[in-house]
Amino acid sequence: MKIFQDRLLEQRKLYGYTQRDMAKLLNITQPSYIRYENGTSEPSQENLIKIADLFDVSLDYLLGRTNL
């Protein structure tokens, strides 16, 4: 999931969100979100979809299956 972590961080910074902002947008705690970025936890399918929609990217992009 290293690609996911990298792309999540890249997109968050591109959009100017803090980790706290992301946690609020996903309706999770900030420590839970931080675990997504450091790779110790994976988001639920529901949160993966929310993240993809938030950043207007595909799930395939977030998961490293495409570069688009």
C-alpha atoms as a PDB file:
ATOM      1  CA  MET A   1       0.000   0.000   0.000  1.00  0.00           C
ATOM      2  CA  LYS A   2       3.013   2.325  -0.248  1.00  0.00           C
ATOM      3  CA  ILE A   3       1.631   3.778  -3.472  1.00  0.00           C
ATOM      4  CA  PHE A   4      -1.670   4.539  -1.741  1.00  0.00           C
ATOM      5  CA  GLN A   5       0.132   6.283   1.124  1.00  0.00           C
ATOM      6  CA  ASP A   6       2.196   8.379  -1.284  1.00  0.00           C
ATOM      7  CA  ARG A   7      -0.777   9.350  -3.421  1.00  0.00           C
ATOM      8  CA  LEU A   8      -2.950  10.132  -0.419  1.00  0.00           C
ATOM      9  CA  LEU A   9      -0.298  12.468   0.977  1.00  0.00           C
ATOM     10  CA  GLU A  10       0.341  14.006  -2.450  1.00  0.00           C
ATOM     11  CA  GLN A  11      -3.333  14.724  -3.055  1.00  0.00           C
ATOM     12  CA  ARG A  12      -3.904  16.046   0.464  1.00  0.00           C
ATOM     13  CA  LYS A  13      -1.061  18.517   0.068  1.00  0.00           C
ATOM     14  CA  LEU A  14      -2.147  19.429  -3.469  1.00  0.00           C
ATOM     15  CA  TYR A  15      -5.582  20.377  -2.135  1.00  0.00           C
ATOM     16  CA  GLY A  16      -4.136  22.151   0.910  1.00  0.00           C
ATOM     17  CA  TYR A  17      -5.834  19.946   3.492  1.00  0.00           C
ATOM     18  CA  THR A  18      -4.390  19.170   6.886  1.00  0.00           C
ATOM     19  CA  GLN A  19      -4.615  15.744   8.433  1.00  0.00           C
ATOM     20  CA  ARG A  20      -7.244  17.183  10.749  1.00  0.00           C
ATOM     21  CA  ASP A  21      -9.247  18.445   7.755  1.00  0.00           C
ATOM     22  CA  MET A  22      -9.141  15.005   6.175  1.00  0.00           C
ATOM     23  CA  ALA A  23     -10.266  13.303   9.357  1.00  0.00           C
ATOM     24  CA  LYS A  24     -13.244  15.650   9.598  1.00  0.00           C
ATOM     25  CA  LEU A  25     -14.159  15.148   5.939  1.00  0.00           C
ATOM     26  CA  LEU A  26     -14.046  11.371   6.388  1.00  0.00           C
ATOM     27  CA  ASN A  27     -15.795  11.504   9.759  1.00  0.00           C
ATOM     28  CA  ILE A  28     -12.968   9.663  11.511  1.00  0.00           C
ATOM     29  CA  THR A  29     -10.474  10.607  14.194  1.00  0.00           C
ATOM     30  CA  GLN A  30      -7.250  12.352  13.283  1.00  0.00           C
ATOM     31  CA  PRO A  31      -5.138   9.418  14.581  1.00  0.00           C
ATOM     32  CA  SER A  32      -7.153   7.072  12.365  1.00  0.00           C
ATOM     33  CA  TYR A  33      -6.402   9.228   9.333  1.00  0.00           C
ATOM     34  CA  ILE A  34      -2.709   9.451  10.251  1.00  0.00           C
ATOM     35  CA  ARG A  35      -2.591   5.649  10.236  1.00  0.00           C
ATOM     36  CA  TYR A  36      -3.764   5.729   6.598  1.00  0.00           C
ATOM     37  CA  GLU A  37      -0.843   7.954   5.650  1.00  0.00           C
ATOM     38  CA  ASN A  38       1.770   5.990   7.583  1.00  0.00           C
ATOM     39  CA  GLY A  39       0.501   2.642   6.350  1.00  0.00           C
ATOM     40  CA  THR A  40      -0.465   1.059   9.650  1.00  0.00           C
ATOM     41  CA  SER A  41      -4.149   0.978   8.719  1.00  0.00           C
ATOM     42  CA  GLU A  42      -6.162   0.826   5.515  1.00  0.00           C
ATOM     43  CA  PRO A  43      -9.346   2.792   4.900  1.00  0.00           C
ATOM     44  CA  SER A  44     -12.657   1.052   4.540  1.00  0.00           C
ATOM     45  CA  GLN A  45     -14.142   0.732   1.076  1.00  0.00           C
ATOM     46  CA  GLU A  46     -16.526   3.557   1.973  1.00  0.00           C
ATOM     47  CA  ASN A  47     -13.666   5.865   2.936  1.00  0.00           C
ATOM     48  CA  LEU A  48     -11.644   4.923  -0.145  1.00  0.00           C
ATOM     49  CA  ILE A  49     -14.575   6.036  -2.261  1.00  0.00           C
ATOM     50  CA  LYS A  50     -14.915   9.271  -0.262  1.00  0.00           C
ATOM     51  CA  ILE A  51     -11.209  10.004  -0.736  1.00  0.00           C
ATOM     52  CA  ALA A  52     -11.373   9.340  -4.492  1.00  0.00           C
ATOM     53  CA  ASP A  53     -14.441  11.570  -4.818  1.00  0.00           C
ATOM     54  CA  LEU A  54     -12.889  14.312  -2.693  1.00  0.00           C
ATOM     55  CA  PHE A  55      -9.790  14.462  -4.880  1.00  0.00           C
ATOM     56  CA  ASP A  56     -11.652  13.704  -8.128  1.00  0.00           C
ATOM     57  CA  VAL A  57      -9.426  10.723  -8.906  1.00  0.00           C
ATOM     58  CA  SER A  58     -10.216   7.079  -9.556  1.00  0.00           C
ATOM     59  CA  LEU A  59      -9.836   4.296  -7.034  1.00  0.00           C
ATOM     60  CA  ASP A  60      -7.412   2.701  -9.479  1.00  0.00           C
ATOM     61  CA  TYR A  61      -5.224   5.800  -9.286  1.00  0.00           C
ATOM     62  CA  LEU A  62      -5.262   5.861  -5.484  1.00  0.00           C
ATOM     63  CA  LEU A  63      -4.372   2.181  -5.325  1.00  0.00           C
ATOM     64  CA  GLY A  64      -1.602   2.424  -7.895  1.00  0.00           C
ATOM     65  CA  ARG A  65      -3.319   0.491 -10.675  1.00  0.00           C
ATOM     66  CA  THR A  66      -3.114   3.470 -13.078  1.00  0.00           C
ATOM     67  CA  ASN A  67      -1.186   6.703 -13.292  1.00  0.00           C
ATOM     68  CA  LEU A  68      -4.157   8.786 -14.450  1.00  0.00           C
END
